[in-house]
Amino acid sequence: MKRKLRFPRIVKPFEAKEKIILRDYLALERTTLANERTLFSYIRTSLYLVIGGIGLLKLEDFSSLRWLGNVSLVISALLIIYGLIRYFMLKRKLLKFYENKDLPE
């Protein structure tokens, strides 16, 4: 049995008391697109760090900077993991609103 990691809640979960209107639906769509853009930003930054880290590791004249290349690769891996976690957490929150049956067709 797989256990989910639960974080303590600071505030109670949001519950919509009104029927969702088109403006709210479009706001959800914008939020979804912003979430995807943010994920792509994390991926892009991570790839830049990988390229920089590999470049620093391949430089033979600056062997004293090899540690910086290794640090860059580690930070890149951590950054991509953090970005994916944030993306899927927000995506899960947004799916609660999309499962609402009152959405416009």
Protein backbone atom coordinates (compact mmCIF):
# COMPACT_ATOMS: atom_id res chain seq x y z
CA MET A 1 0.00 0.00 0.00
CA LYS A 2 1.45 3.33 -1.06
CA ARG A 3 1.20 6.14 1.47
CA LYS A 4 0.79 9.72 0.31
CA LEU A 5 2.86 12.47 1.85
CA ARG A 6 0.50 14.92 3.53
CA PHE A 7 1.40 18.48 4.42
CA PRO A 8 -0.47 20.24 7.22
CA ARG A 9 -3.17 22.63 6.03
CA ILE A 10 -2.86 26.26 7.03
CA VAL A 11 -6.23 27.27 5.64
CA LYS A 12 -9.28 25.22 4.81
CA PRO A 13 -9.68 24.12 1.17
CA PHE A 14 -11.59 26.42 -1.16
CA GLU A 15 -15.13 25.38 -1.98
CA ALA A 16 -17.01 27.18 -4.74
CA LYS A 17 -20.47 28.17 -3.59
CA GLU A 18 -21.60 29.61 -6.91
CA LYS A 19 -21.94 28.29 -10.41
CA ILE A 20 -18.73 28.91 -12.33
CA ILE A 21 -19.12 31.43 -15.16
CA LEU A 22 -17.22 31.83 -18.40
CA ARG A 23 -14.85 34.44 -16.95
CA ASP A 24 -13.84 32.04 -14.18
CA TYR A 25 -13.43 29.19 -16.64
CA LEU A 26 -11.13 31.33 -18.79
CA ALA A 27 -9.16 32.28 -15.67
CA LEU A 28 -8.65 28.58 -14.96
CA GLU A 29 -7.41 28.10 -18.52
CA ARG A 30 -4.96 31.01 -18.13
CA THR A 31 -3.74 29.53 -14.86
CA THR A 32 -3.20 26.16 -16.53
CA LEU A 33 -1.21 27.77 -19.33
CA ALA A 34 0.83 29.79 -16.82
CA ASN A 35 1.57 26.58 -14.93
CA GLU A 36 2.86 24.98 -18.13
CA ARG A 37 4.97 28.05 -18.96
CA THR A 38 6.49 27.92 -15.50
CA LEU A 39 7.37 24.24 -15.96
CA PHE A 40 9.03 25.06 -19.29
CA SER A 41 11.01 27.81 -17.56
CA TYR A 42 12.29 25.33 -14.98
CA ILE A 43 13.23 22.91 -17.76
CA ARG A 44 14.97 25.62 -19.78
CA THR A 45 16.96 26.85 -16.77
CA SER A 46 17.89 23.30 -15.88
CA LEU A 47 19.14 22.63 -19.41
CA TYR A 48 21.23 25.82 -19.33
CA LEU A 49 22.80 24.65 -16.08
CA VAL A 50 23.54 21.24 -17.60
CA ILE A 51 25.20 22.84 -20.62
CA GLY A 52 27.23 25.16 -18.40
CA GLY A 53 28.21 22.33 -16.08
CA ILE A 54 29.35 20.09 -18.91
CA GLY A 55 31.25 23.00 -20.43
CA LEU A 56 33.07 23.64 -17.16
CA LEU A 57 33.91 19.96 -16.78
CA LYS A 58 35.37 19.81 -20.31
CA LEU A 59 37.64 22.85 -19.89
CA GLU A 60 41.18 21.57 -19.42
CA ASP A 61 42.78 24.94 -18.73
CA PHE A 62 40.51 25.68 -15.77
CA SER A 63 40.68 22.44 -13.81
CA SER A 64 40.17 24.39 -10.58
CA LEU A 65 36.59 25.10 -11.71
CA ARG A 66 35.58 21.43 -12.02
CA TRP A 67 33.77 21.69 -8.70
CA LEU A 68 31.59 24.44 -10.16
CA GLY A 69 30.63 22.16 -13.05
CA ASN A 70 29.63 19.41 -10.63
CA VAL A 71 27.64 21.84 -8.50
CA SER A 72 25.90 23.11 -11.63
CA LEU A 73 24.85 19.58 -12.60
CA VAL A 74 23.51 18.84 -9.12
CA ILE A 75 21.57 22.12 -9.00
CA SER A 76 20.18 21.34 -12.44
CA ALA A 77 18.83 17.98 -11.28
CA LEU A 78 17.33 19.51 -8.14
CA LEU A 79 15.75 22.31 -10.14
CA ILE A 80 14.03 19.98 -12.60
CA ILE A 81 12.69 17.84 -9.74
CA TYR A 82 11.40 20.93 -7.93
CA GLY A 83 9.76 22.24 -11.10
CA LEU A 84 8.02 18.93 -11.77
CA ILE A 85 6.76 18.69 -8.19
CA ARG A 86 5.32 22.22 -8.34
CA TYR A 87 3.73 21.56 -11.73
CA PHE A 88 1.95 18.39 -10.65
CA MET A 89 0.83 19.85 -7.31
CA LEU A 90 -0.84 22.83 -9.01
CA LYS A 91 -2.23 20.61 -11.77
CA ARG A 92 -3.88 18.41 -9.15
CA LYS A 93 -5.43 21.48 -7.49
CA LEU A 94 -6.74 22.75 -10.82
CA LEU A 95 -8.28 19.38 -11.68
CA LYS A 96 -10.60 19.78 -8.69
CA PHE A 97 -12.16 22.78 -10.43
CA TYR A 98 -12.33 21.08 -13.83
CA GLU A 99 -14.19 18.14 -12.31
CA ASN A 100 -16.97 20.55 -11.36
CA LYS A 101 -20.05 19.74 -13.46
CA ASP A 102 -21.15 23.40 -13.68
CA LEU A 103 -18.49 24.34 -16.24
CA PRO A 104 -19.75 25.97 -19.45
CA GLU A 105 -19.74 23.78 -22.54
